Amino acid sequence: MDPDYHTTLNQLLPEKVYAAVEVASHQSWESLPEEDLLEEACDSRKLEFQTGRFCARKALEQAGATFAPILRTEDGLPVWPRGYLGSITHSKGLCGAVVASKRHLSCVGLDFERADRLSTSAMQRVVHEDESEWVDGLQLRASVLFSLKEAFYKAQFPCWGLHANFHDLSLIVDLERGAAQVQSMHGPLVANNEISQALWEFRLGLCGSYVLSLCYVSA
């Protein structure tokens, strides 16, 4: 039986937040100005980019937004329709997007990651010393932290634009509940009162060989 990414992702969503997930495929392509954004990219990158945009438009439609191409800023961030915010992710062929009205969320980040790809050296870059006992050298747990932290950075960057590394954030993860919470912040994160005092919510799901992670702050 194929993994049910759709159900797993939708179980992470709070009320009035919408999402879509697709395996990258040519059926997901649409002829829009977005195609011009990756003229020099390889075919696989173009495919994931277009499928991610396809998911974003599906999520926006669910949220009641007017259809429009999703272009990007000079920083590479998606440009969402007025009054909405969202996040797009893709990892080795699995693509998704999450969207909400700014009346309901003030920031949001979505991330998909393969749970079987982190090398030992990559795990060391991801795992804070306060998380090392919980990880205990296990690739899956390190991958969970990697995905959750990526979702966090995707959520904060459009609002605050801070560049931080994986060791600047330490999390406490409850795999059974599919949730996490901030244990500590460091570097530029702790220096920013708005970020350090925000009520960050983390949710995660395991599906097939992927970790699906959502991070958000309610409006």
N, C-alpha and C. Protein backbone atom coordinates (compact mmCIF):
# COMPACT_ATOMS: atom_id res chain seq x y z
N MET A 1 0.85 -1.19 0.00
CA MET A 1 0.00 0.00 0.00
C MET A 1 0.88 1.24 0.00
N ASP A 2 0.56 2.21 -0.85
CA ASP A 2 1.33 3.43 -0.92
C ASP A 2 1.13 4.27 0.34
N PRO A 3 2.16 5.00 0.76
CA PRO A 3 2.01 5.88 1.94
C PRO A 3 0.91 6.91 1.71
N ASP A 4 0.13 7.20 2.73
CA ASP A 4 -0.96 8.17 2.63
C ASP A 4 -0.46 9.52 3.14
N TYR A 5 0.30 10.22 2.29
CA TYR A 5 0.86 11.50 2.68
C TYR A 5 -0.23 12.54 2.95
N HIS A 6 -1.31 12.46 2.19
CA HIS A 6 -2.39 13.44 2.33
C HIS A 6 -2.99 13.39 3.73
N THR A 7 -3.33 12.19 4.18
CA THR A 7 -3.92 12.05 5.51
C THR A 7 -2.93 12.47 6.60
N THR A 8 -1.68 12.04 6.47
CA THR A 8 -0.67 12.40 7.47
C THR A 8 -0.51 13.91 7.57
N LEU A 9 -0.44 14.60 6.43
CA LEU A 9 -0.27 16.05 6.44
C LEU A 9 -1.49 16.74 7.03
N ASN A 10 -2.67 16.32 6.64
CA ASN A 10 -3.87 16.98 7.14
C ASN A 10 -4.08 16.80 8.63
N GLN A 11 -3.55 15.73 9.19
CA GLN A 11 -3.65 15.53 10.64
C GLN A 11 -2.79 16.52 11.42
N LEU A 12 -1.84 17.17 10.75
CA LEU A 12 -0.98 18.15 11.41
C LEU A 12 -1.60 19.54 11.47
N LEU A 13 -2.63 19.78 10.67
CA LEU A 13 -3.11 21.14 10.46
C LEU A 13 -4.04 21.62 11.57
N PRO A 14 -3.81 22.84 12.05
CA PRO A 14 -4.81 23.45 12.94
C PRO A 14 -6.02 23.89 12.13
N GLU A 15 -7.05 24.34 12.80
CA GLU A 15 -8.28 24.76 12.14
C GLU A 15 -8.02 25.93 11.19
N LYS A 16 -8.66 25.91 10.04
CA LYS A 16 -8.60 26.97 9.03
C LYS A 16 -7.20 27.16 8.44
N VAL A 17 -6.44 26.08 8.43
CA VAL A 17 -5.16 26.04 7.72
C VAL A 17 -5.27 24.92 6.69
N TYR A 18 -4.78 25.17 5.48
CA TYR A 18 -5.03 24.26 4.36
C TYR A 18 -3.71 23.82 3.73
N ALA A 19 -3.71 22.61 3.20
CA ALA A 19 -2.47 22.07 2.65
C ALA A 19 -2.77 21.11 1.51
N ALA A 20 -1.74 20.85 0.72
CA ALA A 20 -1.82 19.85 -0.35
C ALA A 20 -0.46 19.18 -0.48
N VAL A 21 -0.47 17.94 -0.91
CA VAL A 21 0.77 17.19 -1.09
C VAL A 21 0.65 16.36 -2.37
N GLU A 22 1.75 16.30 -3.13
CA GLU A 22 1.77 15.56 -4.39
C GLU A 22 3.17 14.97 -4.58
N VAL A 23 3.21 13.79 -5.18
CA VAL A 23 4.47 13.27 -5.68
C VAL A 23 4.75 13.98 -7.00
N ALA A 24 5.96 14.49 -7.17
CA ALA A 24 6.30 15.26 -8.36
C ALA A 24 5.98 14.45 -9.62
N SER A 25 5.22 15.06 -10.53
CA SER A 25 4.83 14.37 -11.75
C SER A 25 4.52 15.39 -12.83
N HIS A 26 4.63 14.95 -14.08
CA HIS A 26 4.35 15.86 -15.19
C HIS A 26 2.89 16.27 -15.21
N GLN A 27 2.00 15.48 -14.63
CA GLN A 27 0.59 15.85 -14.58
C GLN A 27 0.37 17.11 -13.74
N SER A 28 1.34 17.43 -12.87
CA SER A 28 1.18 18.57 -11.99
C SER A 28 1.67 19.87 -12.62
N TRP A 29 2.30 19.81 -13.79
CA TRP A 29 2.81 21.01 -14.44
C TRP A 29 1.66 21.84 -14.99
N GLU A 30 1.84 23.15 -14.96
CA GLU A 30 0.91 24.06 -15.60
C GLU A 30 1.70 25.17 -16.27
N SER A 31 1.24 25.64 -17.39
CA SER A 31 1.94 26.69 -18.12
C SER A 31 1.61 28.04 -17.52
N LEU A 32 2.48 28.53 -16.66
CA LEU A 32 2.30 29.80 -15.97
C LEU A 32 3.62 30.57 -15.95
N PRO A 33 3.57 31.86 -15.62
CA PRO A 33 4.82 32.64 -15.55
C PRO A 33 5.85 32.05 -14.58
N GLU A 34 5.40 31.22 -13.65
CA GLU A 34 6.32 30.61 -12.69
C GLU A 34 7.40 29.78 -13.39
N GLU A 35 7.07 29.23 -14.56
CA GLU A 35 8.05 28.40 -15.27
C GLU A 35 9.31 29.18 -15.62
N ASP A 36 9.16 30.47 -15.84
CA ASP A 36 10.30 31.29 -16.23
C ASP A 36 11.28 31.50 -15.08
N LEU A 37 10.88 31.19 -13.84
CA LEU A 37 11.75 31.42 -12.69
C LEU A 37 12.90 30.43 -12.64
N LEU A 38 12.79 29.31 -13.34
CA LEU A 38 13.82 28.27 -13.26
C LEU A 38 14.28 27.85 -14.65
N GLU A 39 14.48 28.82 -15.52
CA GLU A 39 14.85 28.49 -16.90
C GLU A 39 16.12 27.67 -16.98
N GLU A 40 17.08 27.91 -16.08
CA GLU A 40 18.37 27.24 -16.17
C GLU A 40 18.45 25.98 -15.32
N ALA A 41 17.39 25.65 -14.60
CA ALA A 41 17.42 24.51 -13.69
C ALA A 41 17.32 23.19 -14.45
N CYS A 42 17.77 22.11 -13.79
CA CYS A 42 17.65 20.78 -14.38
C CYS A 42 16.18 20.34 -14.36
N ASP A 43 15.87 19.31 -15.11
CA ASP A 43 14.47 18.88 -15.25
C ASP A 43 13.86 18.46 -13.93
N SER A 44 14.62 17.73 -13.09
CA SER A 44 14.06 17.27 -11.82
C SER A 44 13.75 18.45 -10.90
N ARG A 45 14.61 19.46 -10.91
CA ARG A 45 14.37 20.66 -10.09
C ARG A 45 13.14 21.41 -10.59
N LYS A 46 13.00 21.54 -11.92
CA LYS A 46 11.83 22.20 -12.47
C LYS A 46 10.55 21.45 -12.10
N LEU A 47 10.63 20.13 -12.14
CA LEU A 47 9.46 19.31 -11.84
C LEU A 47 9.00 19.51 -10.40
N GLU A 48 9.94 19.49 -9.46
CA GLU A 48 9.59 19.69 -8.06
C GLU A 48 9.09 21.12 -7.82
N PHE A 49 9.71 22.09 -8.48
CA PHE A 49 9.29 23.48 -8.33
C PHE A 49 7.85 23.66 -8.79
N GLN A 50 7.54 23.15 -9.97
CA GLN A 50 6.20 23.29 -10.51
C GLN A 50 5.17 22.52 -9.68
N THR A 51 5.55 21.34 -9.21
CA THR A 51 4.62 20.56 -8.39
C THR A 51 4.37 21.25 -7.05
N GLY A 52 5.41 21.85 -6.49
CA GLY A 52 5.23 22.62 -5.26
C GLY A 52 4.26 23.77 -5.45
N ARG A 53 4.41 24.49 -6.59
CA ARG A 53 3.49 25.59 -6.90
C ARG A 53 2.07 25.06 -7.14
N PHE A 54 1.97 23.91 -7.76
CA PHE A 54 0.67 23.28 -7.97
C PHE A 54 -0.01 23.00 -6.62
N CYS A 55 0.75 22.47 -5.66
CA CYS A 55 0.21 22.23 -4.31
C CYS A 55 -0.21 23.53 -3.65
N ALA A 56 0.60 24.58 -3.83
CA ALA A 56 0.28 25.87 -3.22
C ALA A 56 -1.04 26.41 -3.76
N ARG A 57 -1.27 26.28 -5.07
CA ARG A 57 -2.51 26.78 -5.65
C ARG A 57 -3.71 25.95 -5.16
N LYS A 58 -3.52 24.64 -4.99
CA LYS A 58 -4.60 23.81 -4.45
C LYS A 58 -4.95 24.25 -3.03
N ALA A 59 -3.92 24.52 -2.21
CA ALA A 59 -4.16 24.96 -0.84
C ALA A 59 -4.83 26.33 -0.81
N LEU A 60 -4.39 27.24 -1.67
CA LEU A 60 -4.99 28.57 -1.74
C LEU A 60 -6.46 28.49 -2.15
N GLU A 61 -6.76 27.59 -3.08
CA GLU A 61 -8.15 27.41 -3.51
C GLU A 61 -9.01 26.96 -2.33
N GLN A 62 -8.49 26.03 -1.52
CA GLN A 62 -9.22 25.57 -0.34
C GLN A 62 -9.46 26.72 0.64
N ALA A 63 -8.47 27.63 0.72
CA ALA A 63 -8.56 28.75 1.65
C ALA A 63 -9.46 29.87 1.13
N GLY A 64 -9.88 29.77 -0.14
CA GLY A 64 -10.77 30.78 -0.70
C GLY A 64 -10.06 31.93 -1.36
N ALA A 65 -8.77 31.78 -1.66
CA ALA A 65 -8.01 32.86 -2.29
C ALA A 65 -8.27 32.90 -3.79
N THR A 66 -8.13 34.09 -4.36
CA THR A 66 -8.25 34.27 -5.80
C THR A 66 -7.02 33.69 -6.49
N PHE A 67 -7.23 33.00 -7.60
CA PHE A 67 -6.11 32.38 -8.32
C PHE A 67 -5.12 33.42 -8.82
N ALA A 68 -3.83 33.12 -8.66
CA ALA A 68 -2.76 33.98 -9.19
C ALA A 68 -1.48 33.18 -9.22
N PRO A 69 -0.59 33.46 -10.18
CA PRO A 69 0.73 32.81 -10.17
C PRO A 69 1.46 33.15 -8.88
N ILE A 70 2.24 32.20 -8.38
CA ILE A 70 3.01 32.42 -7.15
C ILE A 70 4.46 32.66 -7.56
N LEU A 71 4.83 33.92 -7.63
CA LEU A 71 6.18 34.29 -8.04
C LEU A 71 7.08 34.28 -6.81
N ARG A 72 8.22 34.97 -6.85
CA ARG A 72 9.11 34.93 -5.69
C ARG A 72 9.87 36.24 -5.56
N THR A 73 10.34 36.49 -4.33
CA THR A 73 11.12 37.68 -4.03
C THR A 73 12.58 37.46 -4.43
N GLU A 74 13.39 38.50 -4.26
CA GLU A 74 14.82 38.38 -4.53
C GLU A 74 15.48 37.35 -3.62
N ASP A 75 14.90 37.13 -2.44
CA ASP A 75 15.43 36.12 -1.50
C ASP A 75 14.94 34.72 -1.84
N GLY A 76 14.12 34.59 -2.87
CA GLY A 76 13.61 33.28 -3.25
C GLY A 76 12.35 32.87 -2.52
N LEU A 77 11.74 33.79 -1.75
CA LEU A 77 10.53 33.45 -1.00
C LEU A 77 9.29 33.56 -1.90
N PRO A 78 8.34 32.65 -1.75
CA PRO A 78 7.10 32.75 -2.53
C PRO A 78 6.36 34.06 -2.22
N VAL A 79 5.74 34.64 -3.22
CA VAL A 79 4.91 35.83 -3.05
C VAL A 79 3.46 35.38 -3.00
N TRP A 80 2.86 35.47 -1.83
CA TRP A 80 1.49 34.97 -1.62
C TRP A 80 0.47 36.06 -1.91
N PRO A 81 -0.75 35.67 -2.27
CA PRO A 81 -1.80 36.68 -2.48
C PRO A 81 -2.00 37.52 -1.22
N ARG A 82 -2.45 38.72 -1.42
CA ARG A 82 -2.66 39.65 -0.32
C ARG A 82 -3.56 39.02 0.75
N GLY A 83 -3.13 39.11 2.00
CA GLY A 83 -3.92 38.59 3.11
C GLY A 83 -3.64 37.14 3.47
N TYR A 84 -2.72 36.48 2.72
CA TYR A 84 -2.41 35.08 2.98
C TYR A 84 -0.90 34.89 3.20
N LEU A 85 -0.56 33.81 3.83
CA LEU A 85 0.83 33.40 3.98
C LEU A 85 0.89 31.89 3.82
N GLY A 86 2.09 31.39 3.57
CA GLY A 86 2.20 29.95 3.37
C GLY A 86 3.64 29.50 3.30
N SER A 87 3.81 28.23 2.97
CA SER A 87 5.14 27.64 2.88
C SER A 87 5.08 26.48 1.88
N ILE A 88 6.15 26.33 1.11
CA ILE A 88 6.24 25.27 0.10
C ILE A 88 7.47 24.42 0.41
N THR A 89 7.36 23.12 0.21
CA THR A 89 8.50 22.23 0.46
C THR A 89 8.57 21.14 -0.59
N HIS A 90 9.76 20.64 -0.81
CA HIS A 90 9.93 19.45 -1.66
C HIS A 90 11.19 18.71 -1.23
N SER A 91 11.13 17.40 -1.27
CA SER A 91 12.25 16.57 -0.86
C SER A 91 12.22 15.27 -1.65
N LYS A 92 13.19 15.13 -2.56
CA LYS A 92 13.34 13.89 -3.31
C LYS A 92 12.04 13.41 -3.93
N GLY A 93 11.33 14.34 -4.57
CA GLY A 93 10.14 13.98 -5.31
C GLY A 93 8.82 14.15 -4.60
N LEU A 94 8.83 14.38 -3.28
CA LEU A 94 7.60 14.62 -2.54
C LEU A 94 7.47 16.12 -2.30
N CYS A 95 6.34 16.69 -2.73
CA CYS A 95 6.15 18.14 -2.68
C CYS A 95 4.88 18.47 -1.91
N GLY A 96 4.88 19.63 -1.28
CA GLY A 96 3.70 20.04 -0.54
C GLY A 96 3.69 21.53 -0.27
N ALA A 97 2.55 22.01 0.19
CA ALA A 97 2.41 23.41 0.53
C ALA A 97 1.34 23.55 1.61
N VAL A 98 1.48 24.61 2.41
CA VAL A 98 0.50 24.93 3.44
C VAL A 98 0.18 26.41 3.33
N VAL A 99 -1.09 26.77 3.54
CA VAL A 99 -1.57 28.13 3.36
C VAL A 99 -2.56 28.47 4.46
N ALA A 100 -2.55 29.74 4.88
CA ALA A 100 -3.54 30.21 5.85
C ALA A 100 -3.75 31.71 5.66
N SER A 101 -4.89 32.17 6.09
CA SER A 101 -5.13 33.61 6.15
C SER A 101 -4.29 34.21 7.27
N LYS A 102 -3.85 35.45 7.08
CA LYS A 102 -3.10 36.14 8.14
C LYS A 102 -3.98 36.45 9.34
N ARG A 103 -5.27 36.26 9.20
CA ARG A 103 -6.15 36.41 10.36
C ARG A 103 -5.98 35.24 11.33
N HIS A 104 -5.46 34.11 10.84
CA HIS A 104 -5.37 32.91 11.66
C HIS A 104 -3.95 32.56 12.08
N LEU A 105 -2.96 32.82 11.21
CA LEU A 105 -1.57 32.54 11.55
C LEU A 105 -0.72 33.78 11.28
N SER A 106 0.31 33.97 12.09
CA SER A 106 1.24 35.07 11.83
C SER A 106 2.49 34.59 11.11
N CYS A 107 2.79 33.30 11.18
CA CYS A 107 3.88 32.72 10.39
C CYS A 107 3.69 31.20 10.34
N VAL A 108 4.25 30.58 9.29
CA VAL A 108 4.09 29.14 9.13
C VAL A 108 5.24 28.60 8.29
N GLY A 109 5.68 27.39 8.63
CA GLY A 109 6.70 26.71 7.86
C GLY A 109 6.36 25.24 7.73
N LEU A 110 6.55 24.71 6.52
CA LEU A 110 6.29 23.29 6.25
C LEU A 110 7.57 22.67 5.70
N ASP A 111 7.88 21.45 6.15
CA ASP A 111 9.08 20.79 5.65
C ASP A 111 8.85 19.29 5.54
N PHE A 112 9.31 18.71 4.44
CA PHE A 112 9.36 17.26 4.25
C PHE A 112 10.82 16.85 4.15
N GLU A 113 11.20 15.76 4.81
CA GLU A 113 12.57 15.25 4.71
C GLU A 113 12.55 13.73 4.69
N ARG A 114 13.44 13.16 3.90
CA ARG A 114 13.66 11.72 3.98
C ARG A 114 14.26 11.40 5.34
N ALA A 115 13.83 10.29 5.91
CA ALA A 115 14.30 9.90 7.25
C ALA A 115 15.51 8.98 7.20
N ASP A 116 16.05 8.75 6.00
CA ASP A 116 17.13 7.77 5.87
C ASP A 116 18.34 8.33 5.11
N ARG A 117 18.55 9.66 5.20
CA ARG A 117 19.59 10.26 4.37
C ARG A 117 20.71 10.93 5.16
N LEU A 118 20.52 11.25 6.43
CA LEU A 118 21.52 12.01 7.17
C LEU A 118 22.75 11.17 7.47
N SER A 119 23.91 11.70 7.10
CA SER A 119 25.17 11.05 7.45
C SER A 119 25.51 11.36 8.90
N THR A 120 26.53 10.70 9.43
CA THR A 120 26.95 10.96 10.80
C THR A 120 27.39 12.40 10.98
N SER A 121 28.13 12.93 10.02
CA SER A 121 28.59 14.32 10.13
C SER A 121 27.42 15.30 10.03
N ALA A 122 26.43 14.99 9.19
CA ALA A 122 25.25 15.85 9.09
C ALA A 122 24.46 15.82 10.39
N MET A 123 24.36 14.65 11.01
CA MET A 123 23.66 14.55 12.29
C MET A 123 24.32 15.43 13.34
N GLN A 124 25.62 15.50 13.33
CA GLN A 124 26.34 16.33 14.31
C GLN A 124 26.04 17.81 14.10
N ARG A 125 25.84 18.21 12.84
CA ARG A 125 25.53 19.62 12.55
C ARG A 125 24.10 19.96 12.96
N VAL A 126 23.23 18.97 12.96
CA VAL A 126 21.81 19.20 13.25
C VAL A 126 21.51 19.15 14.74
N VAL A 127 22.10 18.21 15.45
CA VAL A 127 21.70 17.89 16.83
C VAL A 127 22.46 18.77 17.83
N HIS A 128 21.72 19.54 18.61
CA HIS A 128 22.28 20.32 19.70
C HIS A 128 22.68 19.38 20.84
N GLU A 129 23.65 19.79 21.65
CA GLU A 129 24.10 18.91 22.74
C GLU A 129 22.98 18.56 23.70
N ASP A 130 22.00 19.47 23.85
CA ASP A 130 20.87 19.18 24.74
C ASP A 130 19.91 18.14 24.15
N GLU A 131 20.05 17.87 22.87
CA GLU A 131 19.18 16.90 22.20
C GLU A 131 19.86 15.55 21.99
N SER A 132 21.16 15.50 22.26
CA SER A 132 21.95 14.31 21.89
C SER A 132 21.52 13.06 22.65
N GLU A 133 21.13 13.19 23.91
CA GLU A 133 20.70 12.01 24.67
C GLU A 133 19.44 11.42 24.07
N TRP A 134 18.49 12.29 23.67
CA TRP A 134 17.25 11.79 23.06
C TRP A 134 17.54 11.15 21.70
N VAL A 135 18.41 11.75 20.91
CA VAL A 135 18.71 11.21 19.58
C VAL A 135 19.44 9.88 19.70
N ASP A 136 20.43 9.80 20.60
CA ASP A 136 21.15 8.55 20.88
C ASP A 136 21.70 7.91 19.60
N GLY A 137 22.17 8.76 18.69
CA GLY A 137 22.78 8.25 17.46
C GLY A 137 21.82 7.71 16.42
N LEU A 138 20.52 7.83 16.66
CA LEU A 138 19.53 7.25 15.75
C LEU A 138 19.23 8.21 14.60
N GLN A 139 19.37 7.72 13.39
CA GLN A 139 19.18 8.54 12.19
C GLN A 139 17.76 9.09 12.11
N LEU A 140 16.77 8.29 12.44
CA LEU A 140 15.38 8.74 12.37
C LEU A 140 15.16 9.95 13.27
N ARG A 141 15.64 9.88 14.50
CA ARG A 141 15.40 10.98 15.43
C ARG A 141 16.15 12.24 15.01
N ALA A 142 17.35 12.08 14.50
CA ALA A 142 18.07 13.23 13.98
C ALA A 142 17.34 13.84 12.79
N SER A 143 16.75 12.99 11.95
CA SER A 143 15.99 13.46 10.80
C SER A 143 14.74 14.22 11.23
N VAL A 144 14.11 13.77 12.30
CA VAL A 144 12.95 14.48 12.84
C VAL A 144 13.35 15.88 13.27
N LEU A 145 14.47 15.99 13.99
CA LEU A 145 14.94 17.30 14.42
C LEU A 145 15.29 18.18 13.23
N PHE A 146 15.94 17.58 12.23
CA PHE A 146 16.30 18.32 11.03
C PHE A 146 15.06 18.91 10.38
N SER A 147 14.02 18.12 10.21
CA SER A 147 12.80 18.57 9.56
C SER A 147 12.07 19.63 10.40
N LEU A 148 11.96 19.41 11.69
CA LEU A 148 11.29 20.38 12.56
C LEU A 148 12.02 21.73 12.55
N LYS A 149 13.33 21.70 12.58
CA LYS A 149 14.10 22.94 12.59
C LYS A 149 14.00 23.64 11.24
N GLU A 150 13.99 22.88 10.15
CA GLU A 150 13.81 23.49 8.84
C GLU A 150 12.44 24.18 8.76
N ALA A 151 11.40 23.53 9.29
CA ALA A 151 10.07 24.14 9.30
C ALA A 151 10.09 25.44 10.11
N PHE A 152 10.79 25.45 11.23
CA PHE A 152 10.91 26.65 12.05
C PHE A 152 11.58 27.77 11.29
N TYR A 153 12.70 27.48 10.64
CA TYR A 153 13.43 28.52 9.92
C TYR A 153 12.63 29.04 8.73
N LYS A 154 11.86 28.17 8.09
CA LYS A 154 10.99 28.62 7.00
C LYS A 154 9.88 29.52 7.54
N ALA A 155 9.43 29.27 8.75
CA ALA A 155 8.38 30.10 9.35
C ALA A 155 8.91 31.47 9.76
N GLN A 156 10.10 31.49 10.37
CA GLN A 156 10.58 32.77 10.91
C GLN A 156 11.17 33.69 9.86
N PHE A 157 11.76 33.14 8.79
CA PHE A 157 12.53 33.98 7.89
C PHE A 157 11.70 35.05 7.17
N PRO A 158 10.49 34.73 6.66
CA PRO A 158 9.71 35.79 6.02
C PRO A 158 9.34 36.93 6.96
N CYS A 159 9.27 36.64 8.27
CA CYS A 159 8.89 37.67 9.24
C CYS A 159 10.09 38.44 9.78
N TRP A 160 11.17 37.72 10.10
CA TRP A 160 12.30 38.35 10.78
C TRP A 160 13.61 38.30 9.99
N GLY A 161 13.70 37.44 9.01
CA GLY A 161 14.87 37.40 8.14
C GLY A 161 16.17 37.03 8.83
N LEU A 162 16.09 36.24 9.89
CA LEU A 162 17.29 35.89 10.64
C LEU A 162 17.96 34.65 10.04
N HIS A 163 19.27 34.71 9.93
CA HIS A 163 20.06 33.56 9.48
C HIS A 163 20.62 32.87 10.72
N ALA A 164 20.20 31.65 10.95
CA ALA A 164 20.63 30.90 12.13
C ALA A 164 21.02 29.49 11.71
N ASN A 165 21.79 28.81 12.56
CA ASN A 165 22.15 27.43 12.25
C ASN A 165 21.35 26.47 13.14
N PHE A 166 21.53 25.17 12.89
CA PHE A 166 20.73 24.18 13.59
C PHE A 166 20.99 24.16 15.10
N HIS A 167 22.19 24.55 15.52
CA HIS A 167 22.50 24.54 16.94
C HIS A 167 21.95 25.76 17.67
N ASP A 168 21.37 26.70 16.95
CA ASP A 168 20.76 27.87 17.59
C ASP A 168 19.37 27.56 18.14
N LEU A 169 18.87 26.37 17.85
CA LEU A 169 17.55 25.97 18.34
C LEU A 169 17.62 24.56 18.89
N SER A 170 17.12 24.38 20.10
CA SER A 170 17.05 23.06 20.72
C SER A 170 15.58 22.74 21.01
N LEU A 171 15.17 21.52 20.67
CA LEU A 171 13.77 21.13 20.80
C LEU A 171 13.61 19.91 21.72
N ILE A 172 12.45 19.80 22.32
CA ILE A 172 12.02 18.60 23.03
C ILE A 172 10.94 17.95 22.17
N VAL A 173 11.15 16.73 21.75
CA VAL A 173 10.25 16.06 20.81
C VAL A 173 9.49 14.94 21.51
N ASP A 174 8.21 14.88 21.23
CA ASP A 174 7.37 13.77 21.69
C ASP A 174 6.86 13.03 20.46
N LEU A 175 7.56 11.96 20.08
CA LEU A 175 7.19 11.23 18.86
C LEU A 175 5.80 10.61 18.97
N GLU A 176 5.44 10.16 20.14
CA GLU A 176 4.15 9.50 20.31
C GLU A 176 3.01 10.47 20.04
N ARG A 177 3.15 11.71 20.50
CA ARG A 177 2.12 12.73 20.27
C ARG A 177 2.28 13.43 18.93
N GLY A 178 3.43 13.29 18.29
CA GLY A 178 3.67 14.01 17.05
C GLY A 178 3.79 15.50 17.28
N ALA A 179 4.52 15.87 18.33
CA ALA A 179 4.62 17.29 18.70
C ALA A 179 6.02 17.57 19.24
N ALA A 180 6.34 18.84 19.31
CA ALA A 180 7.61 19.27 19.88
C ALA A 180 7.44 20.65 20.50
N GLN A 181 8.41 21.03 21.32
CA GLN A 181 8.40 22.36 21.91
C GLN A 181 9.82 22.88 22.00
N VAL A 182 9.94 24.19 22.08
CA VAL A 182 11.26 24.80 22.18
C VAL A 182 11.86 24.52 23.55
N GLN A 183 13.09 24.02 23.56
CA GLN A 183 13.83 23.83 24.80
C GLN A 183 14.72 25.04 25.08
N SER A 184 15.41 25.53 24.05
CA SER A 184 16.25 26.71 24.21
C SER A 184 16.55 27.31 22.85
N MET A 185 16.86 28.61 22.86
CA MET A 185 17.31 29.32 21.67
C MET A 185 18.66 29.95 21.95
N HIS A 186 19.43 30.15 20.89
CA HIS A 186 20.77 30.68 21.04
C HIS A 186 21.08 31.63 19.89
N GLY A 187 22.20 32.33 19.98
CA GLY A 187 22.65 33.20 18.90
C GLY A 187 21.63 34.25 18.53
N PRO A 188 21.39 34.46 17.24
CA PRO A 188 20.48 35.52 16.80
C PRO A 188 19.04 35.29 17.23
N LEU A 189 18.67 34.05 17.52
CA LEU A 189 17.29 33.77 17.92
C LEU A 189 17.00 34.31 19.32
N VAL A 190 17.89 34.05 20.25
CA VAL A 190 17.65 34.50 21.62
C VAL A 190 17.78 36.01 21.73
N ALA A 191 18.51 36.62 20.78
CA ALA A 191 18.68 38.07 20.81
C ALA A 191 17.45 38.81 20.30
N ASN A 192 16.53 38.08 19.67
CA ASN A 192 15.31 38.68 19.13
C ASN A 192 14.15 38.37 20.06
N ASN A 193 13.65 39.39 20.77
CA ASN A 193 12.60 39.15 21.75
C ASN A 193 11.31 38.63 21.14
N GLU A 194 10.98 39.11 19.94
CA GLU A 194 9.73 38.67 19.32
C GLU A 194 9.76 37.18 19.03
N ILE A 195 10.89 36.68 18.52
CA ILE A 195 11.00 35.25 18.21
C ILE A 195 11.02 34.42 19.48
N SER A 196 11.82 34.85 20.44
CA SER A 196 11.98 34.04 21.65
C SER A 196 10.71 34.00 22.50
N GLN A 197 9.86 35.00 22.37
CA GLN A 197 8.64 35.05 23.17
C GLN A 197 7.40 34.55 22.41
N ALA A 198 7.55 34.29 21.11
CA ALA A 198 6.41 33.80 20.32
C ALA A 198 5.99 32.41 20.80
N LEU A 199 4.70 32.12 20.65
CA LEU A 199 4.16 30.82 21.07
C LEU A 199 4.26 29.85 19.90
N TRP A 200 5.44 29.26 19.74
CA TRP A 200 5.71 28.37 18.61
C TRP A 200 5.02 27.02 18.82
N GLU A 201 4.36 26.56 17.77
CA GLU A 201 3.72 25.25 17.76
C GLU A 201 4.45 24.37 16.74
N PHE A 202 4.77 23.14 17.14
CA PHE A 202 5.43 22.18 16.26
C PHE A 202 4.60 20.90 16.19
N ARG A 203 4.37 20.43 14.97
CA ARG A 203 3.68 19.16 14.77
C ARG A 203 4.44 18.34 13.73
N LEU A 204 4.42 17.02 13.88
CA LEU A 204 5.15 16.16 12.94
C LEU A 204 4.40 14.85 12.74
N GLY A 205 4.65 14.26 11.57
CA GLY A 205 4.10 12.96 11.26
C GLY A 205 5.12 12.15 10.48
N LEU A 206 5.13 10.84 10.69
CA LEU A 206 6.00 9.93 9.95
C LEU A 206 5.14 9.17 8.96
N CYS A 207 5.57 9.19 7.69
CA CYS A 207 4.79 8.51 6.66
C CYS A 207 5.74 7.92 5.64
N GLY A 208 5.70 6.62 5.47
CA GLY A 208 6.65 5.97 4.58
C GLY A 208 8.07 6.25 5.05
N SER A 209 8.90 6.74 4.15
CA SER A 209 10.29 7.07 4.51
C SER A 209 10.49 8.55 4.76
N TYR A 210 9.40 9.28 5.01
CA TYR A 210 9.47 10.73 5.18
C TYR A 210 9.04 11.19 6.57
N VAL A 211 9.63 12.31 6.97
CA VAL A 211 9.15 13.09 8.11
C VAL A 211 8.44 14.31 7.55
N LEU A 212 7.21 14.57 8.00
CA LEU A 212 6.45 15.75 7.61
C LEU A 212 6.33 16.64 8.84
N SER A 213 6.79 17.89 8.72
CA SER A 213 6.83 18.78 9.88
C SER A 213 6.15 20.10 9.59
N LEU A 214 5.46 20.60 10.59
CA LEU A 214 4.77 21.90 10.52
C LEU A 214 5.14 22.72 11.74
N CYS A 215 5.46 24.00 11.50
CA CYS A 215 5.75 24.94 12.57
C CYS A 215 4.95 26.21 12.32
N TYR A 216 4.32 26.75 13.35
CA TYR A 216 3.51 27.95 13.14
C TYR A 216 3.32 28.73 14.44
N VAL A 217 2.91 29.98 14.28
CA VAL A 217 2.49 30.81 15.39
C VAL A 217 1.10 31.34 15.04
N SER A 218 0.14 31.16 15.94
CA SER A 218 -1.20 31.64 15.69
C SER A 218 -1.23 33.18 15.73
N ALA A 219 -2.14 33.77 14.96
CA ALA A 219 -2.25 35.22 14.91
C ALA A 219 -2.82 35.73 16.23
